[in-house]
Amino acid sequence: MKLMRVGEIGQEKPAMLDADGKIRDLSGHVSDIAGASISPEGLAKLAAIDPKTLPELQPGRIGACVAGTGKFICIGLNFSDHAAETGAAVPPEPVIFMKATSAIVGPNDNVLIPRGSEKTDWEVELGVVIGKTAKYVSEADALDYVAGYCVSHDVSERAFQTERAGQWTKGKSCDTFGPIGPWLVTKDEIADPQNLGMWLKVNGETMQNGSSKTMVYGVAFVVSYLSQFMSLHPGDVISTGTPPGVGMGMKPPRFLRAGDVVELGIDGLGTQKQTFQADL
């Protein structure tokens, strides 16, 4: 299934995309794409619905593909070729940092370049959405706790991230720095999360063209690893790292300015398109 949320900010309706690309209203069955509705039992109930019996919704703003996210967890330097372009070594264990949930927006919403920013950068990433509580899970069982996958844009302000002392979080958490969606694609539709093409363009120019197969730590390992340190809950999002081609890795570095348009996508998970504008 491709689950989504459609409507203006704060008024999104839960929906699914049918086989013909029509948006079908799920609000008669669930209150939102969140919590129990994305548990294994909740997803089984949604899968049993004939989409043709659901009211059709007209296309409009697409919201973040999951609501009620308690944690937005990111994995840093998880592609060896990306680590190399930034001059960093591949870490011996996953690098974990948090992105504020207040950064979450829809996949096509405008992204705000924060005040004082000179180094706002792009990063296409595979997002993993948790479907049931995971604590001390094994790598072999880890995917049982995943509801599905989505496109995640880990927008970053590199000066805030690396030049202002402390941890990376303040360079990752600015308002609108976390577009996710357009869909939460349930895991049954993705045969292998470690074999997905990933791409990103700035003003029509391809900047990133990679694959999740070059991830250092795969999805199952990351879910298991995180669950050793914290419980993962339904609706939590894990952004699993980016392939090479980010602005900070270019010679000379290149960063985003107001008016730039970024498009990105992952095989089977849809696409995003954002216009960047100054946060006045």
Protein backbone atom coordinates (compact mmCIF):
# COMPACT_ATOMS: atom_id res chain seq x y z
CA MET A 1 0.00 0.00 0.00
CA LYS A 2 0.90 3.60 -0.49
CA LEU A 3 -0.47 5.53 2.47
CA MET A 4 -0.53 9.32 2.56
CA ARG A 5 -2.02 12.38 4.20
CA VAL A 6 -3.73 15.03 2.09
CA GLY A 7 -4.89 18.52 3.04
CA GLU A 8 -3.72 21.83 4.40
CA ILE A 9 -1.38 21.92 7.40
CA GLY A 10 -3.21 20.66 10.46
CA GLN A 11 -6.17 19.44 8.40
CA GLU A 12 -4.66 16.45 6.63
CA LYS A 13 -6.89 13.44 5.92
CA PRO A 14 -5.53 9.90 5.91
CA ALA A 15 -5.60 8.40 2.44
CA MET A 16 -4.23 5.70 0.19
CA LEU A 17 -3.16 5.77 -3.43
CA ASP A 18 -5.02 3.18 -5.50
CA ALA A 19 -3.66 1.20 -8.45
CA ASP A 20 -4.89 3.87 -10.87
CA GLY A 21 -3.13 6.68 -9.03
CA LYS A 22 -6.35 8.02 -7.47
CA ILE A 23 -6.30 9.28 -3.89
CA ARG A 24 -8.81 7.44 -1.70
CA ASP A 25 -10.10 8.80 1.62
CA LEU A 26 -9.38 6.58 4.64
CA SER A 27 -10.87 8.90 7.26
CA GLY A 28 -13.90 6.63 7.63
CA HIS A 29 -11.60 3.88 8.83
CA VAL A 30 -8.72 5.55 10.67
CA SER A 31 -8.23 8.98 12.21
CA ASP A 32 -4.71 9.38 10.80
CA ILE A 33 -1.69 7.54 9.42
CA ALA A 34 -0.19 7.14 12.87
CA GLY A 35 0.01 4.89 15.92
CA ALA A 36 -2.16 1.79 15.81
CA SER A 37 -3.12 2.34 12.17
CA ILE A 38 0.44 1.49 11.07
CA SER A 39 0.86 -1.50 13.39
CA PRO A 40 0.92 -4.90 11.69
CA GLU A 41 -2.71 -5.40 12.70
CA GLY A 42 -3.71 -1.92 11.57
CA LEU A 43 -2.02 -2.30 8.21
CA ALA A 44 -3.69 -5.69 7.70
CA LYS A 45 -7.10 -4.08 8.21
CA LEU A 46 -6.30 -1.33 5.72
CA ALA A 47 -5.00 -3.85 3.19
CA ALA A 48 -8.33 -5.70 3.37
CA ILE A 49 -10.25 -2.62 2.18
CA ASP A 50 -11.18 -2.44 -1.51
CA PRO A 51 -9.91 1.01 -2.51
CA LYS A 52 -12.77 1.40 -4.97
CA THR A 53 -15.21 1.48 -2.05
CA LEU A 54 -13.49 4.57 -0.63
CA PRO A 55 -14.40 8.16 -1.53
CA GLU A 56 -12.02 9.78 -3.97
CA LEU A 57 -10.13 12.86 -2.82
CA GLN A 58 -9.10 15.56 -5.24
CA PRO A 59 -5.34 16.13 -5.50
CA GLY A 60 -4.09 18.89 -3.24
CA ARG A 61 -1.34 19.55 -0.77
CA ILE A 62 0.35 16.36 0.38
CA GLY A 63 1.34 16.34 4.03
CA ALA A 64 4.07 14.38 5.78
CA CYS A 65 3.32 10.71 5.21
CA VAL A 66 3.06 9.84 8.91
CA ALA A 67 1.73 11.78 11.89
CA GLY A 68 2.55 11.62 15.57
CA THR A 69 6.27 11.08 15.08
CA GLY A 70 7.88 11.00 18.50
CA LYS A 71 11.47 10.65 17.31
CA PHE A 72 13.17 11.62 14.06
CA ILE A 73 16.47 9.73 14.21
CA CYS A 74 19.21 10.15 11.62
CA ILE A 75 22.24 8.07 10.75
CA GLY A 76 25.33 10.03 9.71
CA LEU A 77 28.11 9.03 7.29
CA ASN A 78 26.31 5.81 6.37
CA PHE A 79 27.57 5.67 2.78
CA SER A 80 31.30 5.10 2.42
CA ASP A 81 31.49 7.23 -0.74
CA HIS A 82 29.68 10.09 0.99
CA ALA A 83 32.03 9.86 3.98
CA ALA A 84 34.97 10.08 1.59
CA GLU A 85 33.65 13.20 -0.15
CA THR A 86 33.33 14.97 3.21
CA GLY A 87 36.81 13.90 4.31
CA ALA A 88 35.48 11.69 7.10
CA ALA A 89 36.30 8.08 7.91
CA VAL A 90 33.62 5.42 7.83
CA PRO A 91 32.52 5.15 11.47
CA PRO A 92 33.05 1.84 13.30
CA GLU A 93 29.46 2.04 14.55
CA PRO A 94 26.50 4.06 13.22
CA VAL A 95 26.63 7.78 13.98
CA ILE A 96 23.29 8.75 15.56
CA PHE A 97 21.83 12.23 15.78
CA MET A 98 18.33 13.60 16.23
CA LYS A 99 16.36 15.89 14.00
CA ALA A 100 13.62 17.90 15.75
CA THR A 101 10.13 16.69 14.87
CA SER A 102 9.18 20.36 14.36
CA ALA A 103 11.27 20.18 11.18
CA ILE A 104 8.80 17.76 9.56
CA VAL A 105 6.84 19.06 6.57
CA GLY A 106 5.18 17.70 3.47
CA PRO A 107 7.20 16.50 0.47
CA ASN A 108 6.41 19.49 -1.73
CA ASP A 109 6.22 22.24 0.88
CA ASN A 110 8.59 25.19 0.62
CA VAL A 111 11.78 24.85 2.64
CA LEU A 112 12.96 27.85 4.63
CA ILE A 113 16.61 28.85 4.61
CA PRO A 114 17.19 29.99 8.21
CA ARG A 115 18.37 33.43 9.19
CA GLY A 116 22.14 33.73 8.99
CA SER A 117 22.51 30.63 6.84
CA GLU A 118 25.26 30.50 4.23
CA LYS A 119 25.59 26.73 3.89
CA THR A 120 22.17 25.12 3.49
CA ASP A 121 22.68 21.72 1.84
CA TRP A 122 20.67 18.83 0.39
CA GLU A 123 20.62 15.09 1.24
CA VAL A 124 18.27 12.48 -0.26
CA GLU A 125 17.75 9.65 2.24
CA LEU A 126 15.77 6.47 2.68
CA GLY A 127 13.30 6.95 5.53
CA VAL A 128 12.19 4.00 7.68
CA VAL A 129 8.88 4.26 9.55
CA ILE A 130 8.47 2.11 12.67
CA GLY A 131 5.19 0.20 13.02
CA LYS A 132 5.43 -1.43 16.44
CA THR A 133 7.49 -0.89 19.56
CA ALA A 134 11.03 -2.23 19.18
CA LYS A 135 13.34 -2.79 22.14
CA TYR A 136 16.43 -5.01 22.12
CA VAL A 137 15.42 -6.60 18.80
CA SER A 138 17.77 -8.79 16.80
CA GLU A 139 18.91 -7.90 13.31
CA ALA A 140 17.15 -11.04 12.05
CA ASP A 141 13.81 -9.82 13.44
CA ALA A 142 14.27 -6.08 12.93
CA LEU A 143 12.24 -5.68 9.74
CA ASP A 144 9.21 -7.12 11.56
CA TYR A 145 9.06 -3.80 13.39
CA VAL A 146 9.06 -1.67 10.23
CA ALA A 147 5.76 -0.38 8.85
CA GLY A 148 7.27 0.88 5.63
CA TYR A 149 9.55 3.29 3.85
CA CYS A 150 9.49 6.83 2.51
CA VAL A 151 11.62 9.48 0.84
CA SER A 152 13.31 11.66 3.46
CA HIS A 153 15.10 14.92 2.68
CA ASP A 154 17.65 15.55 5.42
CA VAL A 155 18.15 19.26 4.74
CA SER A 156 21.24 20.50 6.60
CA GLU A 157 22.87 23.82 7.46
CA ARG A 158 26.55 22.89 7.44
CA ALA A 159 27.90 25.91 9.31
CA PHE A 160 25.35 25.38 12.09
CA GLN A 161 26.15 21.65 12.02
CA THR A 162 29.94 21.66 12.09
CA GLU A 163 31.23 25.16 12.79
CA ARG A 164 29.14 26.28 15.75
CA ALA A 165 30.46 23.75 18.31
CA GLY A 166 28.53 20.95 19.96
CA GLN A 167 26.47 18.32 18.21
CA TRP A 168 24.98 18.17 14.71
CA THR A 169 21.36 18.60 15.81
CA LYS A 170 21.17 22.38 15.45
CA GLY A 171 22.28 22.16 11.83
CA LYS A 172 19.62 19.57 11.08
CA SER A 173 16.53 20.76 12.95
CA CYS A 174 15.60 24.13 11.44
CA ASP A 175 11.92 24.55 10.61
CA THR A 176 10.99 22.72 7.36
CA PHE A 177 14.31 20.80 7.26
CA GLY A 178 12.52 17.41 7.32
CA PRO A 179 10.26 16.78 4.29
CA ILE A 180 8.99 13.18 4.33
CA GLY A 181 6.74 11.46 1.81
CA PRO A 182 4.81 11.61 -0.46
CA TRP A 183 3.82 8.14 0.68
CA LEU A 184 4.49 5.66 3.39
CA VAL A 185 5.03 2.58 1.22
CA THR A 186 4.37 -0.56 3.23
CA LYS A 187 7.29 -2.94 3.44
CA ASP A 188 5.52 -5.69 1.47
CA GLU A 189 5.90 -3.51 -1.65
CA ILE A 190 9.67 -3.16 -1.25
CA ALA A 191 11.40 -6.44 -2.00
CA ASP A 192 14.81 -5.25 -0.83
CA PRO A 193 15.36 -1.92 0.94
CA GLN A 194 19.08 -2.34 0.19
CA ASN A 195 18.61 -2.10 -3.57
CA LEU A 196 16.84 1.20 -4.20
CA GLY A 197 18.06 3.88 -6.58
CA MET A 198 18.24 7.36 -5.01
CA TRP A 199 18.59 10.67 -6.81
CA LEU A 200 18.45 14.42 -6.27
CA LYS A 201 18.50 17.41 -8.63
CA VAL A 202 19.04 21.12 -7.98
CA ASN A 203 17.46 23.40 -10.59
CA GLY A 204 17.29 20.41 -12.94
CA GLU A 205 20.95 19.43 -12.53
CA THR A 206 21.60 15.97 -11.11
CA MET A 207 23.64 16.18 -7.92
CA GLN A 208 23.08 12.78 -6.30
CA ASN A 209 22.63 9.49 -8.13
CA GLY A 210 23.24 6.55 -5.82
CA SER A 211 21.71 3.44 -4.33
CA SER A 212 20.84 2.12 -0.91
CA LYS A 213 22.99 -0.92 -1.73
CA THR A 214 26.09 1.09 -0.81
CA MET A 215 24.89 1.82 2.71
CA VAL A 216 27.48 0.80 5.30
CA TYR A 217 24.85 -0.24 7.84
CA GLY A 218 21.63 -1.59 6.32
CA VAL A 219 18.08 -1.02 7.51
CA ALA A 220 17.80 -4.20 9.59
CA PHE A 221 21.10 -3.53 11.34
CA VAL A 222 20.19 0.11 12.03
CA VAL A 223 16.78 -0.75 13.52
CA SER A 224 18.32 -3.45 15.71
CA TYR A 225 21.21 -1.19 16.72
CA LEU A 226 19.00 1.73 17.70
CA SER A 227 16.73 -0.55 19.70
CA GLN A 228 19.64 -1.42 21.98
CA PHE A 229 19.79 2.21 23.15
CA MET A 230 16.15 3.37 23.04
CA SER A 231 12.70 1.99 22.41
CA LEU A 232 11.42 2.72 18.92
CA HIS A 233 7.71 3.50 18.75
CA PRO A 234 5.08 3.49 16.01
CA GLY A 235 5.49 6.59 13.86
CA ASP A 236 9.17 7.10 14.67
CA VAL A 237 11.17 7.90 11.55
CA ILE A 238 14.75 6.82 10.88
CA SER A 239 16.60 8.66 8.11
CA THR A 240 19.35 6.29 7.09
CA GLY A 241 22.02 8.43 5.42
CA THR A 242 22.81 9.90 2.02
CA PRO A 243 24.84 8.87 -1.03
CA PRO A 244 27.56 11.17 -2.40
CA GLY A 245 26.86 14.41 -4.22
CA VAL A 246 26.03 16.82 -1.43
CA GLY A 247 26.96 20.48 -1.73
CA MET A 248 29.60 20.48 0.98
CA GLY A 249 31.53 17.76 -0.87
CA MET A 250 31.89 19.73 -4.09
CA LYS A 251 35.02 21.60 -5.04
CA PRO A 252 34.30 24.41 -4.47
CA PRO A 253 31.35 23.70 -2.16
CA ARG A 254 27.91 24.67 -3.42
CA PHE A 255 24.95 25.57 -1.24
CA LEU A 256 21.29 26.44 -1.69
CA ARG A 257 19.94 29.95 -2.16
CA ALA A 258 16.43 31.41 -2.16
CA GLY A 259 14.65 30.46 -5.38
CA ASP A 260 16.48 27.16 -5.87
CA VAL A 261 14.26 24.17 -6.67
CA VAL A 262 15.25 20.73 -5.39
CA GLU A 263 13.71 17.52 -6.73
CA LEU A 264 14.48 14.10 -5.27
CA GLY A 265 13.21 10.56 -5.28
CA ILE A 266 13.77 6.90 -4.48
CA ASP A 267 12.73 3.90 -6.57
CA GLY A 268 9.20 2.83 -5.63
CA LEU A 269 8.82 5.53 -2.96
CA GLY A 270 7.85 8.54 -5.05
CA THR A 271 9.34 11.98 -5.51
CA GLN A 272 9.54 15.33 -3.75
CA LYS A 273 9.93 18.87 -5.05
CA GLN A 274 10.72 21.89 -2.88
CA THR A 275 11.35 25.55 -3.53
CA PHE A 276 13.80 27.09 -1.10
CA GLN A 277 13.05 30.54 0.28
CA ALA A 278 14.48 32.84 2.92
CA ASP A 279 13.00 32.55 6.41
CA LEU A 280 12.30 36.22 7.08
